């Protein structure tokens, strides 16, 4: 895997985790499930994912090992063959 695809994979995983965490927090802020504003959950989660990707582009990802371009450290399962 080249360094760009390694970076993209790590950034995507980080963004998906951020989206899930944001959705969980926004859903959990409602007292009952019928009071959840699904539009706010969707828009807040998508915005968080976009910001995560932009942050990944602007900074180095600690998940990507600088010494070995083929290795993504600690957050990803090994690729299936």
PDB file of N, CA and C in Angstrom:
ATOM      1  N   UNK A   1       0.843  -1.178   0.000  1.00  0.00           N
ATOM      2  CA  UNK A   1       0.000   0.000   0.000  1.00  0.00           C
ATOM      3  C   UNK A   1       0.886   1.239   0.000  1.00  0.00           C
ATOM      4  N   UNK A   2       0.591   2.199  -0.846  1.00  0.00           N
ATOM      5  CA  UNK A   2       1.406   3.405  -0.833  1.00  0.00           C
ATOM      6  C   UNK A   2       0.974   4.324   0.309  1.00  0.00           C
ATOM      7  N   UNK A   3       1.775   5.332   0.569  1.00  0.00           N
ATOM      8  CA  UNK A   3       1.528   6.171   1.741  1.00  0.00           C
ATOM      9  C   UNK A   3       0.226   6.959   1.625  1.00  0.00           C
ATOM     10  N   UNK A   4      -0.187   7.331   0.406  1.00  0.00           N
ATOM     11  CA  UNK A   4      -1.438   8.067   0.247  1.00  0.00           C
ATOM     12  C   UNK A   4      -2.634   7.195   0.590  1.00  0.00           C
ATOM     13  N   UNK A   5      -2.640   5.952   0.122  1.00  0.00           N
ATOM     14  CA  UNK A   5      -3.767   5.079   0.445  1.00  0.00           C
ATOM     15  C   UNK A   5      -3.757   4.689   1.925  1.00  0.00           C
ATOM     16  N   UNK A   6      -2.596   4.560   2.514  1.00  0.00           N
ATOM     17  CA  UNK A   6      -2.512   4.290   3.952  1.00  0.00           C
ATOM     18  C   UNK A   6      -3.081   5.464   4.731  1.00  0.00           C
ATOM     19  N   UNK A   7      -2.698   6.674   4.340  1.00  0.00           N
ATOM     20  CA  UNK A   7      -3.213   7.873   4.987  1.00  0.00           C
ATOM     21  C   UNK A   7      -4.728   7.977   4.803  1.00  0.00           C
ATOM     22  N   UNK A   8      -5.204   7.757   3.578  1.00  0.00           N
ATOM     23  CA  UNK A   8      -6.635   7.870   3.290  1.00  0.00           C
ATOM     24  C   UNK A   8      -7.432   6.861   4.104  1.00  0.00           C
ATOM     25  N   UNK A   9      -6.920   5.645   4.209  1.00  0.00           N
ATOM     26  CA  UNK A   9      -7.610   4.614   4.982  1.00  0.00           C
ATOM     27  C   UNK A   9      -7.677   4.997   6.460  1.00  0.00           C
ATOM     28  N   UNK A  10      -6.577   5.473   7.017  1.00  0.00           N
ATOM     29  CA  UNK A  10      -6.557   5.882   8.421  1.00  0.00           C
ATOM     30  C   UNK A  10      -7.460   7.090   8.652  1.00  0.00           C
ATOM     31  N   UNK A  11      -7.455   8.053   7.727  1.00  0.00           N
ATOM     32  CA  UNK A  11      -8.310   9.236   7.865  1.00  0.00           C
ATOM     33  C   UNK A  11      -9.782   8.865   7.768  1.00  0.00           C
ATOM     34  N   UNK A  12     -10.123   7.927   6.882  1.00  0.00           N
ATOM     35  CA  UNK A  12     -11.508   7.487   6.743  1.00  0.00           C
ATOM     36  C   UNK A  12     -11.991   6.775   8.001  1.00  0.00           C
ATOM     37  N   UNK A  13     -11.155   5.907   8.547  1.00  0.00           N
ATOM     38  CA  UNK A  13     -11.535   5.214   9.780  1.00  0.00           C
ATOM     39  C   UNK A  13     -11.732   6.217  10.909  1.00  0.00           C
ATOM     40  N   UNK A  14     -10.837   7.185  11.009  1.00  0.00           N
ATOM     41  CA  UNK A  14     -10.960   8.212  12.050  1.00  0.00           C
ATOM     42  C   UNK A  14     -12.246   9.016  11.849  1.00  0.00           C
ATOM     43  N   UNK A  15     -12.567   9.375  10.610  1.00  0.00           N
ATOM     44  CA  UNK A  15     -13.779  10.147  10.331  1.00  0.00           C
ATOM     45  C   UNK A  15     -15.034   9.341  10.661  1.00  0.00           C
ATOM     46  N   UNK A  16     -15.051   8.063  10.307  1.00  0.00           N
ATOM     47  CA  UNK A  16     -16.216   7.224  10.617  1.00  0.00           C
ATOM     48  C   UNK A  16     -16.417   7.068  12.122  1.00  0.00           C
ATOM     49  N   UNK A  17     -15.347   6.937  12.855  1.00  0.00           N
ATOM     50  CA  UNK A  17     -15.456   6.873  14.315  1.00  0.00           C
ATOM     51  C   UNK A  17     -15.993   8.186  14.883  1.00  0.00           C
ATOM     52  N   UNK A  18     -15.539   9.295  14.325  1.00  0.00           N
ATOM     53  CA  UNK A  18     -16.026  10.605  14.765  1.00  0.00           C
ATOM     54  C   UNK A  18     -17.511  10.759  14.473  1.00  0.00           C
ATOM     55  N   UNK A  19     -17.948  10.324  13.295  1.00  0.00           N
ATOM     56  CA  UNK A  19     -19.370  10.382  12.941  1.00  0.00           C
ATOM     57  C   UNK A  19     -20.194   9.549  13.925  1.00  0.00           C
ATOM     58  N   UNK A  20     -19.735   8.346  14.223  1.00  0.00           N
ATOM     59  CA  UNK A  20     -20.459   7.477  15.151  1.00  0.00           C
ATOM     60  C   UNK A  20     -20.519   8.075  16.556  1.00  0.00           C
ATOM     61  N   UNK A  21     -19.425   8.635  17.013  1.00  0.00           N
ATOM     62  CA  UNK A  21     -19.405   9.246  18.347  1.00  0.00           C
ATOM     63  C   UNK A  21     -20.328  10.454  18.416  1.00  0.00           C
ATOM     64  N   UNK A  22     -20.334  11.259  17.371  1.00  0.00           N
ATOM     65  CA  UNK A  22     -21.196  12.439  17.346  1.00  0.00           C
ATOM     66  C   UNK A  22     -22.664  12.036  17.322  1.00  0.00           C
ATOM     67  N   UNK A  23     -23.005  11.059  16.500  1.00  0.00           N
ATOM     68  CA  UNK A  23     -24.391  10.586  16.443  1.00  0.00           C
ATOM     69  C   UNK A  23     -24.830  10.033  17.794  1.00  0.00           C
ATOM     70  N   UNK A  24     -23.963   9.259  18.425  1.00  0.00           N
ATOM     71  CA  UNK A  24     -24.286   8.702  19.741  1.00  0.00           C
ATOM     72  C   UNK A  24     -24.518   9.805  20.764  1.00  0.00           C
ATOM     73  N   UNK A  25     -23.682  10.819  20.755  1.00  0.00           N
ATOM     74  CA  UNK A  25     -23.833  11.924  21.701  1.00  0.00           C
ATOM     75  C   UNK A  25     -25.118  12.702  21.442  1.00  0.00           C
ATOM     76  N   UNK A  26     -25.423  12.964  20.177  1.00  0.00           N
ATOM     77  CA  UNK A  26     -26.626  13.730  19.861  1.00  0.00           C
ATOM     78  C   UNK A  26     -27.897  12.931  20.157  1.00  0.00           C
ATOM     79  N   UNK A  27     -27.877  11.640  19.873  1.00  0.00           N
ATOM     80  CA  UNK A  27     -29.037  10.796  20.196  1.00  0.00           C
ATOM     81  C   UNK A  27     -29.194  10.686  21.707  1.00  0.00           C
ATOM     82  N   UNK A  28     -28.087  10.547  22.399  1.00  0.00           N
ATOM     83  CA  UNK A  28     -28.123  10.415  23.855  1.00  0.00           C
ATOM     84  C   UNK A  28     -28.559  11.671  24.580  1.00  0.00           C
ATOM     85  N   UNK A  29     -28.542  12.809  23.900  1.00  0.00           N
ATOM     86  CA  UNK A  29     -28.952  14.049  24.551  1.00  0.00           C
ATOM     87  C   UNK A  29     -30.472  14.180  24.642  1.00  0.00           C
ATOM     88  N   UNK A  30     -31.200  13.359  23.906  1.00  0.00           N
ATOM     89  CA  UNK A  30     -32.666  13.383  23.989  1.00  0.00           C
ATOM     90  C   UNK A  30     -33.120  12.555  25.184  1.00  0.00           C
ATOM     91  N   UNK A  31     -34.202  12.987  25.820  1.00  0.00           N
ATOM     92  CA  UNK A  31     -34.716  12.273  26.988  1.00  0.00           C
ATOM     93  C   UNK A  31     -35.306  10.930  26.576  1.00  0.00           C
ATOM     94  N   UNK A  32     -36.083  10.927  25.504  1.00  0.00           N
ATOM     95  CA  UNK A  32     -36.646   9.679  24.969  1.00  0.00           C
ATOM     96  C   UNK A  32     -36.363   9.639  23.468  1.00  0.00           C
ATOM     97  N   UNK A  33     -36.368   8.442  22.903  1.00  0.00           N
ATOM     98  CA  UNK A  33     -35.992   8.264  21.500  1.00  0.00           C
ATOM     99  C   UNK A  33     -36.944   9.006  20.559  1.00  0.00           C
ATOM    100  N   UNK A  34     -38.185   9.208  20.961  1.00  0.00           N
ATOM    101  CA  UNK A  34     -39.125   9.915  20.090  1.00  0.00           C
ATOM    102  C   UNK A  34     -38.836  11.410  20.005  1.00  0.00           C
ATOM    103  N   UNK A  35     -38.005  11.921  20.900  1.00  0.00           N
ATOM    104  CA  UNK A  35     -37.665  13.339  20.887  1.00  0.00           C
ATOM    105  C   UNK A  35     -36.373  13.633  20.115  1.00  0.00           C
ATOM    106  N   UNK A  36     -35.763  12.622  19.542  1.00  0.00           N
ATOM    107  CA  UNK A  36     -34.517  12.814  18.802  1.00  0.00           C
ATOM    108  C   UNK A  36     -34.812  13.566  17.512  1.00  0.00           C
ATOM    109  N   UNK A  37     -34.070  14.628  17.279  1.00  0.00           N
ATOM    110  CA  UNK A  37     -34.175  15.358  16.015  1.00  0.00           C
ATOM    111  C   UNK A  37     -33.190  14.707  15.038  1.00  0.00           C
ATOM    112  N   UNK A  38     -33.717  13.854  14.167  1.00  0.00           N
ATOM    113  CA  UNK A  38     -32.867  13.081  13.275  1.00  0.00           C
ATOM    114  C   UNK A  38     -32.151  13.968  12.259  1.00  0.00           C
ATOM    115  N   UNK A  39     -32.754  15.095  11.907  1.00  0.00           N
ATOM    116  CA  UNK A  39     -32.080  16.025  10.996  1.00  0.00           C
ATOM    117  C   UNK A  39     -30.825  16.601  11.647  1.00  0.00           C
ATOM    118  N   UNK A  40     -30.934  16.951  12.930  1.00  0.00           N
ATOM    119  CA  UNK A  40     -29.775  17.493  13.643  1.00  0.00           C
ATOM    120  C   UNK A  40     -28.710  16.414  13.829  1.00  0.00           C
ATOM    121  N   UNK A  41     -29.135  15.196  14.129  1.00  0.00           N
ATOM    122  CA  UNK A  41     -28.179  14.091  14.281  1.00  0.00           C
ATOM    123  C   UNK A  41     -27.430  13.866  12.969  1.00  0.00           C
ATOM    124  N   UNK A  42     -28.149  13.834  11.859  1.00  0.00           N
ATOM    125  CA  UNK A  42     -27.521  13.599  10.560  1.00  0.00           C
ATOM    126  C   UNK A  42     -26.584  14.747  10.182  1.00  0.00           C
ATOM    127  N   UNK A  43     -27.066  15.985  10.301  1.00  0.00           N
ATOM    128  CA  UNK A  43     -26.230  17.113   9.885  1.00  0.00           C
ATOM    129  C   UNK A  43     -25.026  17.292  10.804  1.00  0.00           C
ATOM    130  N   UNK A  44     -25.216  17.111  12.098  1.00  0.00           N
ATOM    131  CA  UNK A  44     -24.097  17.228  13.034  1.00  0.00           C
ATOM    132  C   UNK A  44     -23.055  16.152  12.820  1.00  0.00           C
ATOM    133  N   UNK A  45     -23.514  14.944  12.542  1.00  0.00           N
ATOM    134  CA  UNK A  45     -22.588  13.829  12.322  1.00  0.00           C
ATOM    135  C   UNK A  45     -21.803  13.993  11.029  1.00  0.00           C
ATOM    136  N   UNK A  46     -22.474  14.415   9.963  1.00  0.00           N
ATOM    137  CA  UNK A  46     -21.788  14.632   8.683  1.00  0.00           C
ATOM    138  C   UNK A  46     -20.773  15.766   8.823  1.00  0.00           C
ATOM    139  N   UNK A  47     -21.162  16.845   9.489  1.00  0.00           N
ATOM    140  CA  UNK A  47     -20.240  17.957   9.700  1.00  0.00           C
ATOM    141  C   UNK A  47     -19.020  17.504  10.502  1.00  0.00           C
ATOM    142  N   UNK A  48     -19.238  16.702  11.530  1.00  0.00           N
ATOM    143  CA  UNK A  48     -18.115  16.193  12.323  1.00  0.00           C
ATOM    144  C   UNK A  48     -17.184  15.333  11.473  1.00  0.00           C
ATOM    145  N   UNK A  49     -17.752  14.510  10.589  1.00  0.00           N
ATOM    146  CA  UNK A  49     -16.935  13.694   9.693  1.00  0.00           C
ATOM    147  C   UNK A  49     -16.111  14.529   8.732  1.00  0.00           C
ATOM    148  N   UNK A  50     -16.716  15.570   8.170  1.00  0.00           N
ATOM    149  CA  UNK A  50     -15.991  16.459   7.260  1.00  0.00           C
ATOM    150  C   UNK A  50     -14.864  17.169   7.998  1.00  0.00           C
ATOM    151  N   UNK A  51     -15.153  17.670   9.188  1.00  0.00           N
ATOM    152  CA  UNK A  51     -14.118  18.344   9.978  1.00  0.00           C
ATOM    153  C   UNK A  51     -12.995  17.384  10.357  1.00  0.00           C
ATOM    154  N   UNK A  52     -13.329  16.132  10.624  1.00  0.00           N
ATOM    155  CA  UNK A  52     -12.308  15.142  10.945  1.00  0.00           C
ATOM    156  C   UNK A  52     -11.372  14.918   9.757  1.00  0.00           C
ATOM    157  N   UNK A  53     -11.935  14.815   8.560  1.00  0.00           N
ATOM    158  CA  UNK A  53     -11.109  14.619   7.368  1.00  0.00           C
ATOM    159  C   UNK A  53     -10.229  15.841   7.126  1.00  0.00           C
ATOM    160  N   UNK A  54     -10.800  17.038   7.277  1.00  0.00           N
ATOM    161  CA  UNK A  54     -10.005  18.253   7.093  1.00  0.00           C
ATOM    162  C   UNK A  54      -8.891  18.352   8.130  1.00  0.00           C
ATOM    163  N   UNK A  55      -9.183  17.959   9.368  1.00  0.00           N
ATOM    164  CA  UNK A  55      -8.155  17.959  10.412  1.00  0.00           C
ATOM    165  C   UNK A  55      -7.064  16.949  10.087  1.00  0.00           C
ATOM    166  N   UNK A  56      -7.452  15.794   9.568  1.00  0.00           N
ATOM    167  CA  UNK A  56      -6.466  14.783   9.183  1.00  0.00           C
ATOM    168  C   UNK A  56      -5.553  15.288   8.075  1.00  0.00           C
ATOM    169  N   UNK A  57      -6.116  16.037   7.144  1.00  0.00           N
ATOM    170  CA  UNK A  57      -5.314  16.594   6.049  1.00  0.00           C
ATOM    171  C   UNK A  57      -4.351  17.650   6.581  1.00  0.00           C
ATOM    172  N   UNK A  58      -4.818  18.450   7.532  1.00  0.00           N
ATOM    173  CA  UNK A  58      -4.008  19.557   8.052  1.00  0.00           C
ATOM    174  C   UNK A  58      -2.933  19.111   9.034  1.00  0.00           C
ATOM    175  N   UNK A  59      -3.076  17.932   9.622  1.00  0.00           N
ATOM    176  CA  UNK A  59      -2.119  17.450  10.612  1.00  0.00           C
ATOM    177  C   UNK A  59      -1.648  16.050  10.253  1.00  0.00           C
ATOM    178  N   UNK A  60      -0.647  15.584  10.954  1.00  0.00           N
ATOM    179  CA  UNK A  60      -0.196  14.207  10.774  1.00  0.00           C
ATOM    180  C   UNK A  60      -1.081  13.289  11.600  1.00  0.00           C
ATOM    181  N   UNK A  61      -1.388  12.134  11.052  1.00  0.00           N
ATOM    182  CA  UNK A  61      -2.167  11.145  11.782  1.00  0.00           C
ATOM    183  C   UNK A  61      -1.224  10.277  12.606  1.00  0.00           C
ATOM    184  N   UNK A  62      -1.427  10.196  13.913  1.00  0.00           N
ATOM    185  CA  UNK A  62      -0.555   9.337  14.708  1.00  0.00           C
ATOM    186  C   UNK A  62      -0.738   7.859  14.389  1.00  0.00           C
ATOM    187  N   UNK A  63      -1.862   7.502  13.766  1.00  0.00           N
ATOM    188  CA  UNK A  63      -2.115   6.102  13.421  1.00  0.00           C
ATOM    189  C   UNK A  63      -1.225   5.612  12.279  1.00  0.00           C
ATOM    190  N   UNK A  64      -0.697   6.526  11.481  1.00  0.00           N
ATOM    191  CA  UNK A  64       0.140   6.152  10.349  1.00  0.00           C
ATOM    192  C   UNK A  64       1.590   6.173  10.798  1.00  0.00           C
ATOM    193  N   UNK A  65       2.228   5.019  10.707  1.00  0.00           N
ATOM    194  CA  UNK A  65       3.622   4.881  11.108  1.00  0.00           C
ATOM    195  C   UNK A  65       4.509   5.516  10.048  1.00  0.00           C
ATOM    196  N   UNK A  66       5.270   6.507  10.442  1.00  0.00           N
ATOM    197  CA  UNK A  66       6.121   7.224   9.488  1.00  0.00           C
ATOM    198  C   UNK A  66       7.272   6.367   8.967  1.00  0.00           C
ATOM    199  N   UNK A  67       7.700   5.374   9.739  1.00  0.00           N
ATOM    200  CA  UNK A  67       8.841   4.553   9.344  1.00  0.00           C
ATOM    201  C   UNK A  67       8.492   3.505   8.303  1.00  0.00           C
ATOM    202  N   UNK A  68       7.242   3.066   8.291  1.00  0.00           N
ATOM    203  CA  UNK A  68       6.826   2.006   7.378  1.00  0.00           C
ATOM    204  C   UNK A  68       5.544   2.437   6.688  1.00  0.00           C
ATOM    205  N   UNK A  69       5.635   2.749   5.399  1.00  0.00           N
ATOM    206  CA  UNK A  69       4.474   3.252   4.666  1.00  0.00           C
ATOM    207  C   UNK A  69       3.345   2.238   4.561  1.00  0.00           C
ATOM    208  N   UNK A  70       3.636   0.957   4.734  1.00  0.00           N
ATOM    209  CA  UNK A  70       2.613  -0.063   4.583  1.00  0.00           C
ATOM    210  C   UNK A  70       1.902  -0.402   5.883  1.00  0.00           C
ATOM    211  N   UNK A  71       2.231   0.255   6.950  1.00  0.00           N
ATOM    212  CA  UNK A  71       1.654  -0.121   8.232  1.00  0.00           C
ATOM    213  C   UNK A  71       0.830   1.019   8.805  1.00  0.00           C
ATOM    214  N   UNK A  72      -0.390   0.689   9.184  1.00  0.00           N
ATOM    215  CA  UNK A  72      -1.237   1.615   9.922  1.00  0.00           C
ATOM    216  C   UNK A  72      -1.301   1.075  11.331  1.00  0.00           C
ATOM    217  N   UNK A  73      -0.906   1.886  12.279  1.00  0.00           N
ATOM    218  CA  UNK A  73      -0.716   1.415  13.638  1.00  0.00           C
ATOM    219  C   UNK A  73      -2.007   1.470  14.427  1.00  0.00           C
ATOM    220  N   UNK A  74      -2.337   0.428  15.118  1.00  0.00           N
ATOM    221  CA  UNK A  74      -3.271   0.330  16.239  1.00  0.00           C
ATOM    222  C   UNK A  74      -4.758   0.484  15.974  1.00  0.00           C
ATOM    223  N   UNK A  75      -5.202   1.113  14.885  1.00  0.00           N
ATOM    224  CA  UNK A  75      -6.639   1.319  14.784  1.00  0.00           C
ATOM    225  C   UNK A  75      -7.316   0.426  13.765  1.00  0.00           C
ATOM    226  N   UNK A  76      -6.552  -0.206  12.895  1.00  0.00           N
ATOM    227  CA  UNK A  76      -7.165  -0.972  11.835  1.00  0.00           C
ATOM    228  C   UNK A  76      -6.878  -2.452  11.964  1.00  0.00           C
ATOM    229  N   UNK A  77      -7.880  -3.281  11.675  1.00  0.00           N
ATOM    230  CA  UNK A  77      -7.601  -4.712  11.624  1.00  0.00           C
ATOM    231  C   UNK A  77      -6.755  -5.008  10.397  1.00  0.00           C
ATOM    232  N   UNK A  78      -6.054  -6.133  10.395  1.00  0.00           N
ATOM    233  CA  UNK A  78      -5.255  -6.453   9.206  1.00  0.00           C
ATOM    234  C   UNK A  78      -6.160  -6.630   7.993  1.00  0.00           C
ATOM    235  N   UNK A  79      -5.702  -6.244   6.810  1.00  0.00           N
ATOM    236  CA  UNK A  79      -6.533  -6.387   5.614  1.00  0.00           C
ATOM    237  C   UNK A  79      -6.842  -7.851   5.337  1.00  0.00           C
ATOM    238  N   UNK A  80      -8.065  -8.112   4.913  1.00  0.00           N
ATOM    239  CA  UNK A  80      -8.425  -9.488   4.584  1.00  0.00           C
ATOM    240  C   UNK A  80      -7.862  -9.841   3.213  1.00  0.00           C
ATOM    241  N   UNK A  81      -7.476 -11.104   3.057  1.00  0.00           N
ATOM    242  CA  UNK A  81      -6.891 -11.497   1.779  1.00  0.00           C
ATOM    243  C   UNK A  81      -7.834 -12.313   0.966  1.00  0.00           C
TER     244      UNK A  81
END
